Amino acid sequence: MFIPDSKLKTLSAAMLVAIGGFATAPAMAEDFYAGKTIEMVVPFGEGGATYVAAKFLEPFLEKHLPGKPQVNVRTRPGGGSILGANWFQQNAEPDGETILFTTSSTSNPYVLGMDAVEYDLAAMRPAYSLPFGAVIYVSPRTGIESPAELRSPDMPLIYGGIAAAASDLPVLLAFELLDLDLRTVLGFDGRGPARLAFERGETNIDFQFTPAYMSQVVDMVEAGSAVPIMTGGSVGGDGVLSARDPAFPDYPSVYEVYEELNGEPPSGVEWDAFQAIGATTFNFGLTAYLPEGTPDEVIEIFEETIAAINADPDYQEQSQEAIGGYDLLPASAVTDSLSEALQPSEEVRDHLRTLLSEKYDVEL
């Protein structure tokens, strides 16, 4: 997984926290959140990766934010996350007490310029990101036991998702890149409901992001009712989304599966589109946004808080099982790169808009 050089700041901050707690923080920040409640808005239903990760982080934020505020996770599902993000744009005050915690289901519609989008992600201030991977798995009823069999299943492949322009997009782009013949059923309120459809046998190919996969799919794999095939991959030191996900080193990346199926590495606009959206989705995974105008003091508080959480032995232990063991990334390691990721090339944007409009009837 690619970690920007600026994350080194986090390591230094973490050491300071381990040595002296919040002694380096401004005095005014020591009880900044005392007696306050933070609302973490998740624009999806319960059960998906975003909700699972938010609930996992909730007690660690309460423990390490100065003043030990109460943190409440509030779900606002609908519109593939657009409704909740629009609510946040219209209602959240820049006081550090309301956070939008979301995925590329929210950033993709923004990048594509969809009419329903009323929020301005580029104007918001990232507080932290949680990188994560995505594992694509199939039902054993398909007869697929390895990537080599993806193009010759025993039955038609059926995939269930939220929306083509939502967090499903990188996986749909992977299916396009790999030239898989499958039926796509969209309209679920979250990855949780999509997973339940897989469990009921209504679909037979699915994916879950790391938090939900670790907590809700691993048992299915061990029971023989799900077969992991590949991950979305991770950005390596060369900047290419070709490396294996460090949380799942035994599973090949989409890049590797393409090479296996085609005898050559991927290239062209289809690969560029997958890499652009995939990198945004996986490297920045879940991002916590604060409203435009949030003071620098709040950003600095979260910077130190994230360092403290990463250094917390309980977090280090529990995150292995809950979210794949990824460290949180503070604003200093996220802001600039995320801003660039929200602005792909015109060629990639045109390809995405054409594909979504013509194949998935997305009204942009």
Foldseek 3Di string as FASTA:
>chain_A
DDFDPLCVVLVVLLVCCVVPNCPVAPPCQQQLQAPHEAEEEEQFDPQALQNLVCVVCQCLCLVRRRNSHHYHYDYNWDPLSQVSQLCCQVDADLALRYKYKYFQSLLQCVLLVFPSHPHDQLLWAWFWFFFWKKWKKFFVQQVDQELLCQQPTPDAAEAEEAACSGLCVLVVLLCVQLVGGHHYHYHDRHLRVRVVCCVVVVGTMYMGIQQSCLVPVVVCVVVRGMHTYAMQAAQDPVRFRAHHDPLCNPHGHSQVSSCVNPVDGDDDLSRVLSRLSSCRCRVRPIIMIRGRPNDVSSSVSSSSSLSNLLSDPVNQVVCCRRGSNTRMGGSSRDSPVNSVSSHDDPSNSVVVVCCCCPPVVDRD
